[in-house]
Amino acid sequence: MGEFTMFNQGDRAPNNGTYIEAGVNSFHMGIENPKKVKLHKGEQFPENTNHERKWIRMPK
């Protein structure tokens, strides 16, 4: 089984890394100044800017 790639606020980070907000249509329109957070494995994701956004891990 694979690991989830999109996370909601309150979910726990599966790995250490930098995560960024992504929108439902972000691949079409992009998000200006998305929130970025550095989390350690097991830390909770913070609140999103709006209810339609999710957290994804930034590419290296």
Protein backbone atom coordinates (compact mmCIF):
# COMPACT_ATOMS: atom_id res chain seq x y z
CA MET A 1 0.00 0.00 0.00
CA GLY A 2 1.16 3.51 -0.73
CA GLU A 3 1.32 6.57 1.42
CA PHE A 4 -1.26 9.35 1.21
CA THR A 5 -0.10 12.40 -0.76
CA MET A 6 -2.68 15.00 0.35
CA PHE A 7 -3.36 15.85 3.98
CA ASN A 8 -5.97 17.83 5.90
CA GLN A 9 -5.43 20.07 8.90
CA GLY A 10 -5.02 17.97 12.03
CA ASP A 11 -3.57 14.98 10.15
CA ARG A 12 -0.12 13.84 11.24
CA ALA A 13 2.93 14.17 8.99
CA PRO A 14 4.13 10.77 7.79
CA ASN A 15 7.73 11.95 7.33
CA ASN A 16 10.02 14.88 8.11
CA GLY A 17 9.84 17.53 5.43
CA THR A 18 8.46 20.78 4.11
CA TYR A 19 4.80 20.78 3.18
CA ILE A 20 2.93 23.35 1.10
CA GLU A 21 -0.73 24.24 0.58
CA ALA A 22 -2.28 23.06 -2.67
CA GLY A 23 -5.72 23.91 -3.98
CA VAL A 24 -8.24 21.73 -5.73
CA ASN A 25 -7.50 23.49 -9.03
CA SER A 26 -3.93 24.52 -8.24
CA PHE A 27 -2.50 22.74 -11.30
CA HIS A 28 -4.64 25.05 -13.49
CA MET A 29 -4.48 28.34 -11.63
CA GLY A 30 -1.76 28.08 -8.99
CA ILE A 31 -1.91 29.65 -5.56
CA GLU A 32 -0.32 33.00 -4.81
CA ASN A 33 1.87 32.91 -1.68
CA PRO A 34 0.90 29.43 -0.43
CA LYS A 35 1.62 28.59 3.21
CA LYS A 36 4.69 26.43 3.79
CA VAL A 37 5.51 24.54 6.99
CA LYS A 38 8.39 22.35 8.13
CA LEU A 39 7.14 19.36 10.10
CA HIS A 40 8.75 16.40 11.79
CA LYS A 41 7.24 12.94 11.55
CA GLY A 42 4.13 12.75 13.75
CA GLU A 43 3.50 16.52 14.05
CA GLN A 44 0.01 17.77 13.14
CA PHE A 45 -0.67 19.87 10.08
CA PRO A 46 -1.83 23.43 10.89
CA GLU A 47 -5.05 25.04 9.73
CA ASN A 48 -5.39 25.74 5.99
CA THR A 49 -6.06 29.17 4.55
CA ASN A 50 -9.47 27.96 3.31
CA HIS A 51 -11.52 24.77 3.40
CA GLU A 52 -10.71 23.71 -0.18
CA ARG A 53 -6.96 23.48 0.36
CA LYS A 54 -4.87 20.47 1.33
CA TRP A 55 -1.25 19.97 2.38
CA ILE A 56 1.22 18.19 0.07
CA ARG A 57 4.92 17.47 0.48
CA MET A 58 7.18 19.80 -1.49
CA PRO A 59 9.39 18.11 -4.08
CA LYS A 60 13.06 17.97 -3.14
